[in-house]
Structure formats: structure tokens, C-alpha cells
Amino acid sequence: MSNSYNYRHLYYFWVVAKEGSMSKAAERLDIAVQTISAQVHELEKSLGYMLFKPAGRGITLTESGFAALEIADQIFSIGEKLPEAVRDAAKSPKTKITVGVSDGLPKLITRQLLEPILKHKDVQLIAHEGEFEKLLAELALHRLDIILADRPAPNNKNLNVYSEELTKTSIAWYGSKQLLKNSKKDFPECLGELNCCQFRSTI
């Protein structure tokens, strides 16, 4: 089977199937019957299956034809919505904002920061999650408009960016009393001499 078929061939097939004959389809499209027949034949050749078969003096769909018609109905019913979609988009253009989200940023905080943007129907929000350094590279190439991260941008003259603190969160550390008794220093200096694997942090 070849994948060289095009949607014009499919459209001609669709019209023939809807009209029930080559002649009626040719009349509807205002083209020669020979042209319709040739285009449908090209579609059958590219798919590798017959889509129509003789039926008395006319034609009818084969099983493959019915399957093709079902898909064609979906394609062209969506296509009929294209002018309306383009017209609506032109009347109400949306502002596109592309945000990079550092993979170290908690998802709950990310949602809280982006939620106000989602309330604006005239804004199209696109979010990409990734490593902070890679997101900075994307920002430098103007592929991102902004980055949400748990750290400020590095002090680099080659990066024409600035950082702004949007929110703060607290961190709670939990450990056994025995661990704290074994330490000679106060928190957080004591972490340097304790086994941090025995602590659990929550944000």
C-alpha cells in the first residue's frame, strides 16, 4: 500500500459516496465524470483496495469503501468548521505565553502561580517542564517567555534576564530527639555532622 494518496482524491471519493454515483458527483463538483473516476481510481490504487463495486447500472461501496467513508465523514465534518474557527480566532486573538517550569519546583506551587493566568480566556498558556539550566538556554533563545524556578537566575552578563521573587514557602525538618542530642550545634549547622538521611523534610 502506498501513502501517496492526497485529500483531494479522498474528497472526490467522499462526494461520490454521498451522491451515490459518479455523474451526480461530477455535476455537484462541476467537473468531468472522467476526472472524478480517475481521482477515485488513484485513491483506490494508493490504498490497495477497491472502494466501489458495480451494482446494477450504478455502483455501491465495498466493505473497504464503508470504512473509508466513515473516516472521510470525520475528516470533512471537521474541515467544515475551519472557516468558523479561523474567523473566531481573528476576532478574538489570544496572547500566547510560553512558560518553562523547573523540575525542582513543587507541582502545587506551580499550579498556584499559573492558576490566575488560566482564568483569562484571551490567553493561551503553554508550559514546558525541564531542568533549570536547559530552560535557561531556551529562554536565551527566546523560545520561552518566562521561567518558574526555585532559585534565581545566575549572574551572567550573557543572559539578559532578571529574577523576581513571587512567593515563599516554609520547610519543616523532622528527626528523632536522639539525633538532636548527639549534635553539638544548633539547626541548621547540625546537619553537617548528622546523617541527613535520617531526616525527613516537607514543603
C-alpha atoms as a PDB file:
ATOM      1  CA  MET A   1       0.000   0.000   0.000  1.00  0.00           C
ATOM      2  CA  SER A   2       1.264   3.493  -0.870  1.00  0.00           C
ATOM      3  CA  ASN A   3       0.925   6.514   1.410  1.00  0.00           C
ATOM      4  CA  SER A   4       0.890   8.902  -1.554  1.00  0.00           C
ATOM      5  CA  TYR A   5      -2.859   9.495  -1.531  1.00  0.00           C
ATOM      6  CA  ASN A   6      -3.970  13.072  -1.027  1.00  0.00           C
ATOM      7  CA  TYR A   7      -7.069  14.640   0.434  1.00  0.00           C
ATOM      8  CA  ARG A   8      -8.359  15.818  -2.945  1.00  0.00           C
ATOM      9  CA  HIS A   9      -8.664  12.183  -4.016  1.00  0.00           C
ATOM     10  CA  LEU A  10     -10.362  11.416  -0.703  1.00  0.00           C
ATOM     11  CA  TYR A  11     -12.714  14.363  -1.158  1.00  0.00           C
ATOM     12  CA  TYR A  12     -13.789  13.186  -4.619  1.00  0.00           C
ATOM     13  CA  PHE A  13     -14.425   9.715  -3.225  1.00  0.00           C
ATOM     14  CA  TRP A  14     -16.452  11.229  -0.375  1.00  0.00           C
ATOM     15  CA  VAL A  15     -18.664  13.228  -2.756  1.00  0.00           C
ATOM     16  CA  VAL A  16     -19.253  10.174  -4.976  1.00  0.00           C
ATOM     17  CA  ALA A  17     -20.199   8.107  -1.908  1.00  0.00           C
ATOM     18  CA  LYS A  18     -22.596  10.822  -0.701  1.00  0.00           C
ATOM     19  CA  GLU A  19     -24.186  11.393  -4.121  1.00  0.00           C
ATOM     20  CA  GLY A  20     -24.387   7.709  -4.976  1.00  0.00           C
ATOM     21  CA  SER A  21     -22.968   7.972  -8.484  1.00  0.00           C
ATOM     22  CA  MET A  22     -20.040   9.388 -10.466  1.00  0.00           C
ATOM     23  CA  SER A  23     -22.337  11.504 -12.678  1.00  0.00           C
ATOM     24  CA  LYS A  24     -24.093  13.189  -9.751  1.00  0.00           C
ATOM     25  CA  ALA A  25     -20.759  13.849  -8.058  1.00  0.00           C
ATOM     26  CA  ALA A  26     -19.401  15.344 -11.291  1.00  0.00           C
ATOM     27  CA  GLU A  27     -22.458  17.587 -11.560  1.00  0.00           C
ATOM     28  CA  ARG A  28     -22.099  18.732  -7.944  1.00  0.00           C
ATOM     29  CA  LEU A  29     -18.394  19.499  -8.355  1.00  0.00           C
ATOM     30  CA  ASP A  30     -18.822  20.869 -11.903  1.00  0.00           C
ATOM     31  CA  ILE A  31     -16.076  18.687 -13.354  1.00  0.00           C
ATOM     32  CA  ALA A  32     -15.962  15.862 -15.898  1.00  0.00           C
ATOM     33  CA  VAL A  33     -17.035  12.367 -14.925  1.00  0.00           C
ATOM     34  CA  GLN A  34     -13.738  11.056 -16.288  1.00  0.00           C
ATOM     35  CA  THR A  35     -11.842  13.311 -13.875  1.00  0.00           C
ATOM     36  CA  ILE A  36     -13.846  12.062 -10.883  1.00  0.00           C
ATOM     37  CA  SER A  37     -13.355   8.439 -11.946  1.00  0.00           C
ATOM     38  CA  ALA A  38      -9.611   8.900 -12.401  1.00  0.00           C
ATOM     39  CA  GLN A  39      -9.189  10.554  -8.995  1.00  0.00           C
ATOM     40  CA  VAL A  40     -11.149   7.818  -7.203  1.00  0.00           C
ATOM     41  CA  HIS A  41      -9.091   5.191  -9.027  1.00  0.00           C
ATOM     42  CA  GLU A  42      -5.890   6.879  -7.831  1.00  0.00           C
ATOM     43  CA  LEU A  43      -7.155   6.710  -4.242  1.00  0.00           C
ATOM     44  CA  GLU A  44      -8.002   3.013  -4.615  1.00  0.00           C
ATOM     45  CA  LYS A  45      -4.568   2.390  -6.116  1.00  0.00           C
ATOM     46  CA  SER A  46      -2.774   4.159  -3.257  1.00  0.00           C
ATOM     47  CA  LEU A  47      -4.827   2.342  -0.595  1.00  0.00           C
ATOM     48  CA  GLY A  48      -4.572  -1.018  -2.322  1.00  0.00           C
ATOM     49  CA  TYR A  49      -8.299  -1.797  -2.092  1.00  0.00           C
ATOM     50  CA  MET A  50     -11.398  -1.266  -4.216  1.00  0.00           C
ATOM     51  CA  LEU A  51     -13.771   1.253  -2.653  1.00  0.00           C
ATOM     52  CA  PHE A  52     -16.678   0.841  -5.105  1.00  0.00           C
ATOM     53  CA  LYS A  53     -18.158  -2.149  -6.919  1.00  0.00           C
ATOM     54  CA  PRO A  54     -20.784  -2.430  -9.673  1.00  0.00           C
ATOM     55  CA  ALA A  55     -24.399  -2.635  -8.540  1.00  0.00           C
ATOM     56  CA  GLY A  56     -26.859  -2.954 -11.423  1.00  0.00           C
ATOM     57  CA  ARG A  57     -26.317   0.099 -13.612  1.00  0.00           C
ATOM     58  CA  GLY A  58     -24.668   2.006 -10.775  1.00  0.00           C
ATOM     59  CA  ILE A  59     -22.061   1.497  -8.095  1.00  0.00           C
ATOM     60  CA  THR A  60     -22.073   0.790  -4.405  1.00  0.00           C
ATOM     61  CA  LEU A  61     -19.486   0.859  -1.628  1.00  0.00           C
ATOM     62  CA  THR A  62     -17.399  -2.166  -0.781  1.00  0.00           C
ATOM     63  CA  GLU A  63     -16.622  -3.040   2.826  1.00  0.00           C
ATOM     64  CA  SER A  64     -13.364  -1.140   2.431  1.00  0.00           C
ATOM     65  CA  GLY A  65     -15.359   1.748   0.970  1.00  0.00           C
ATOM     66  CA  PHE A  66     -17.632   1.913   4.002  1.00  0.00           C
ATOM     67  CA  ALA A  67     -14.582   2.016   6.266  1.00  0.00           C
ATOM     68  CA  ALA A  68     -13.063   4.812   4.168  1.00  0.00           C
ATOM     69  CA  LEU A  69     -16.347   6.729   4.177  1.00  0.00           C
ATOM     70  CA  GLU A  70     -16.525   6.622   7.966  1.00  0.00           C
ATOM     71  CA  ILE A  71     -13.093   8.225   8.239  1.00  0.00           C
ATOM     72  CA  ALA A  72     -13.835  10.702   5.435  1.00  0.00           C
ATOM     73  CA  ASP A  73     -17.017  11.811   7.226  1.00  0.00           C
ATOM     74  CA  GLN A  74     -14.975  12.672  10.310  1.00  0.00           C
ATOM     75  CA  ILE A  75     -12.287  14.480   8.333  1.00  0.00           C
ATOM     76  CA  PHE A  76     -14.592  16.667   6.254  1.00  0.00           C
ATOM     77  CA  SER A  77     -17.052  17.380   9.059  1.00  0.00           C
ATOM     78  CA  ILE A  78     -14.105  18.830  10.985  1.00  0.00           C
ATOM     79  CA  GLY A  79     -12.941  20.627   7.838  1.00  0.00           C
ATOM     80  CA  GLU A  80     -16.303  22.380   7.570  1.00  0.00           C
ATOM     81  CA  LYS A  81     -15.564  24.026  10.927  1.00  0.00           C
ATOM     82  CA  LEU A  82     -12.315  25.550   9.643  1.00  0.00           C
ATOM     83  CA  PRO A  83     -13.733  28.873   8.328  1.00  0.00           C
ATOM     84  CA  GLU A  84     -15.638  29.466  11.567  1.00  0.00           C
ATOM     85  CA  ALA A  85     -12.598  28.634  13.706  1.00  0.00           C
ATOM     86  CA  VAL A  86     -10.370  30.972  11.680  1.00  0.00           C
ATOM     87  CA  ARG A  87     -12.969  33.746  11.804  1.00  0.00           C
ATOM     88  CA  ASP A  88     -13.391  33.425  15.588  1.00  0.00           C
ATOM     89  CA  ALA A  89      -9.628  33.405  16.110  1.00  0.00           C
ATOM     90  CA  ALA A  90      -9.252  36.579  14.049  1.00  0.00           C
ATOM     91  CA  LYS A  91     -11.982  38.331  16.046  1.00  0.00           C
ATOM     92  CA  SER A  92     -10.604  37.268  19.432  1.00  0.00           C
ATOM     93  CA  PRO A  93      -6.818  36.880  19.167  1.00  0.00           C
ATOM     94  CA  LYS A  94      -5.146  35.208  22.139  1.00  0.00           C
ATOM     95  CA  THR A  95      -1.927  36.245  23.818  1.00  0.00           C
ATOM     96  CA  LYS A  96       0.470  33.302  23.827  1.00  0.00           C
ATOM     97  CA  ILE A  97       2.629  32.826  26.927  1.00  0.00           C
ATOM     98  CA  THR A  98       5.228  30.046  26.960  1.00  0.00           C
ATOM     99  CA  VAL A  99       6.382  29.156  30.465  1.00  0.00           C
ATOM    100  CA  GLY A 100       9.284  26.946  31.491  1.00  0.00           C
ATOM    101  CA  VAL A 101       8.792  25.135  34.799  1.00  0.00           C
ATOM    102  CA  SER A 102      11.858  23.884  36.644  1.00  0.00           C
ATOM    103  CA  ASP A 103      11.547  20.211  37.589  1.00  0.00           C
ATOM    104  CA  GLY A 104      12.642  21.145  41.117  1.00  0.00           C
ATOM    105  CA  LEU A 105       9.572  23.311  41.687  1.00  0.00           C
ATOM    106  CA  PRO A 106       6.733  21.604  43.606  1.00  0.00           C
ATOM    107  CA  LYS A 107       3.690  20.984  41.402  1.00  0.00           C
ATOM    108  CA  LEU A 108       1.314  22.539  43.932  1.00  0.00           C
ATOM    109  CA  ILE A 109       3.226  25.823  43.872  1.00  0.00           C
ATOM    110  CA  THR A 110       3.372  25.730  40.071  1.00  0.00           C
ATOM    111  CA  ARG A 111      -0.385  25.374  39.919  1.00  0.00           C
ATOM    112  CA  GLN A 112      -0.927  28.233  42.358  1.00  0.00           C
ATOM    113  CA  LEU A 113       1.309  30.531  40.316  1.00  0.00           C
ATOM    114  CA  LEU A 114      -0.245  29.662  36.950  1.00  0.00           C
ATOM    115  CA  GLU A 115      -3.875  29.458  38.041  1.00  0.00           C
ATOM    116  CA  PRO A 116      -4.575  33.212  37.682  1.00  0.00           C
ATOM    117  CA  ILE A 117      -3.406  33.067  34.047  1.00  0.00           C
ATOM    118  CA  LEU A 118      -5.744  30.168  33.263  1.00  0.00           C
ATOM    119  CA  LYS A 119      -8.739  32.324  34.191  1.00  0.00           C
ATOM    120  CA  HIS A 120      -8.102  34.616  31.224  1.00  0.00           C
ATOM    121  CA  LYS A 121      -9.839  33.257  28.124  1.00  0.00           C
ATOM    122  CA  ASP A 122      -7.798  35.530  25.848  1.00  0.00           C
ATOM    123  CA  VAL A 123      -4.507  33.943  26.955  1.00  0.00           C
ATOM    124  CA  GLN A 124      -3.024  30.720  25.567  1.00  0.00           C
ATOM    125  CA  LEU A 125      -0.708  29.175  28.143  1.00  0.00           C
ATOM    126  CA  ILE A 126       1.946  26.649  27.104  1.00  0.00           C
ATOM    127  CA  ALA A 127       4.100  25.086  29.841  1.00  0.00           C
ATOM    128  CA  HIS A 128       7.293  23.053  29.463  1.00  0.00           C
ATOM    129  CA  GLU A 129       8.917  21.230  32.371  1.00  0.00           C
ATOM    130  CA  GLY A 130      12.646  20.585  32.403  1.00  0.00           C
ATOM    131  CA  GLU A 131      15.993  21.080  34.077  1.00  0.00           C
ATOM    132  CA  PHE A 132      16.739  24.637  35.166  1.00  0.00           C
ATOM    133  CA  GLU A 133      19.907  25.014  33.047  1.00  0.00           C
ATOM    134  CA  LYS A 134      18.170  23.736  29.900  1.00  0.00           C
ATOM    135  CA  LEU A 135      15.256  26.081  30.472  1.00  0.00           C
ATOM    136  CA  LEU A 136      17.677  28.994  30.753  1.00  0.00           C
ATOM    137  CA  ALA A 137      19.109  28.064  27.362  1.00  0.00           C
ATOM    138  CA  GLU A 138      15.602  28.008  25.887  1.00  0.00           C
ATOM    139  CA  LEU A 139      14.914  31.409  27.449  1.00  0.00           C
ATOM    140  CA  ALA A 140      18.116  32.826  25.947  1.00  0.00           C
ATOM    141  CA  LEU A 141      16.965  31.620  22.514  1.00  0.00           C
ATOM    142  CA  HIS A 142      13.578  33.337  23.065  1.00  0.00           C
ATOM    143  CA  ARG A 143      11.731  30.019  22.988  1.00  0.00           C
ATOM    144  CA  LEU A 144      10.348  30.728  26.462  1.00  0.00           C
ATOM    145  CA  ASP A 145       8.817  33.912  27.819  1.00  0.00           C
ATOM    146  CA  ILE A 146       9.382  33.183  31.495  1.00  0.00           C
ATOM    147  CA  ILE A 147      10.746  30.518  33.832  1.00  0.00           C
ATOM    148  CA  LEU A 148       9.298  29.433  37.158  1.00  0.00           C
ATOM    149  CA  ALA A 149      12.025  28.001  39.391  1.00  0.00           C
ATOM    150  CA  ASP A 150      13.091  27.510  42.990  1.00  0.00           C
ATOM    151  CA  ARG A 151      16.222  29.621  42.509  1.00  0.00           C
ATOM    152  CA  PRO A 152      17.167  32.975  40.948  1.00  0.00           C
ATOM    153  CA  ALA A 153      18.813  33.308  37.557  1.00  0.00           C
ATOM    154  CA  PRO A 154      22.622  33.139  37.684  1.00  0.00           C
ATOM    155  CA  ASN A 155      24.644  36.325  37.482  1.00  0.00           C
ATOM    156  CA  ASN A 156      25.673  36.024  33.845  1.00  0.00           C
ATOM    157  CA  LYS A 157      26.225  39.038  31.584  1.00  0.00           C
ATOM    158  CA  ASN A 158      25.462  36.899  28.536  1.00  0.00           C
ATOM    159  CA  LEU A 159      21.940  36.259  29.844  1.00  0.00           C
ATOM    160  CA  ASN A 160      19.768  39.323  29.550  1.00  0.00           C
ATOM    161  CA  VAL A 161      17.339  38.151  32.241  1.00  0.00           C
ATOM    162  CA  TYR A 162      16.295  39.186  35.711  1.00  0.00           C
ATOM    163  CA  SER A 163      14.722  37.369  38.643  1.00  0.00           C
ATOM    164  CA  GLU A 164      11.792  38.328  40.820  1.00  0.00           C
ATOM    165  CA  GLU A 165      10.612  36.580  43.963  1.00  0.00           C
ATOM    166  CA  LEU A 166       6.980  35.559  43.594  1.00  0.00           C
ATOM    167  CA  THR A 167       6.326  33.614  46.775  1.00  0.00           C
ATOM    168  CA  LYS A 168       7.924  31.950  49.795  1.00  0.00           C
ATOM    169  CA  THR A 169       7.343  28.560  51.345  1.00  0.00           C
ATOM    170  CA  SER A 170       8.468  27.157  54.636  1.00  0.00           C
ATOM    171  CA  ILE A 171      10.410  23.931  55.106  1.00  0.00           C
ATOM    172  CA  ALA A 172       9.872  21.683  58.103  1.00  0.00           C
ATOM    173  CA  TRP A 173      12.558  19.193  59.189  1.00  0.00           C
ATOM    174  CA  TYR A 174      11.738  16.187  61.344  1.00  0.00           C
ATOM    175  CA  GLY A 175      14.135  13.983  63.251  1.00  0.00           C
ATOM    176  CA  SER A 176      14.399  11.950  66.426  1.00  0.00           C
ATOM    177  CA  LYS A 177      15.310  13.631  69.708  1.00  0.00           C
ATOM    178  CA  GLN A 178      18.325  11.363  69.992  1.00  0.00           C
ATOM    179  CA  LEU A 179      19.789  12.808  66.793  1.00  0.00           C
ATOM    180  CA  LEU A 180      19.483  16.323  68.149  1.00  0.00           C
ATOM    181  CA  LYS A 181      21.021  15.326  71.475  1.00  0.00           C
ATOM    182  CA  ASN A 182      24.016  13.856  69.643  1.00  0.00           C
ATOM    183  CA  SER A 183      24.665  17.139  67.882  1.00  0.00           C
ATOM    184  CA  LYS A 184      26.833  19.849  69.405  1.00  0.00           C
ATOM    185  CA  LYS A 185      25.489  22.537  67.065  1.00  0.00           C
ATOM    186  CA  ASP A 186      22.104  24.160  66.579  1.00  0.00           C
ATOM    187  CA  PHE A 187      19.930  23.716  63.484  1.00  0.00           C
ATOM    188  CA  PRO A 188      20.765  24.015  60.614  1.00  0.00           C
ATOM    189  CA  GLU A 189      24.516  23.851  61.324  1.00  0.00           C
ATOM    190  CA  CYS A 190      23.975  20.452  62.940  1.00  0.00           C
ATOM    191  CA  LEU A 191      23.092  18.936  59.534  1.00  0.00           C
ATOM    192  CA  GLY A 192      26.751  18.922  58.634  1.00  0.00           C
ATOM    193  CA  GLU A 193      27.582  16.409  61.342  1.00  0.00           C
ATOM    194  CA  LEU A 194      24.383  14.329  61.348  1.00  0.00           C
ATOM    195  CA  ASN A 195      23.205  11.673  58.954  1.00  0.00           C
ATOM    196  CA  CYS A 196      20.717  13.687  56.938  1.00  0.00           C
ATOM    197  CA  CYS A 197      19.187  10.508  55.555  1.00  0.00           C
ATOM    198  CA  GLN A 198      17.516  10.147  58.933  1.00  0.00           C
ATOM    199  CA  PHE A 199      15.666  13.426  58.499  1.00  0.00           C
ATOM    200  CA  ARG A 200      12.510  13.999  56.509  1.00  0.00           C
ATOM    201  CA  SER A 201      11.669  17.406  55.036  1.00  0.00           C
ATOM    202  CA  THR A 202       8.298  18.671  53.869  1.00  0.00           C
ATOM    203  CA  ILE A 203       7.402  21.777  51.960  1.00  0.00           C
END
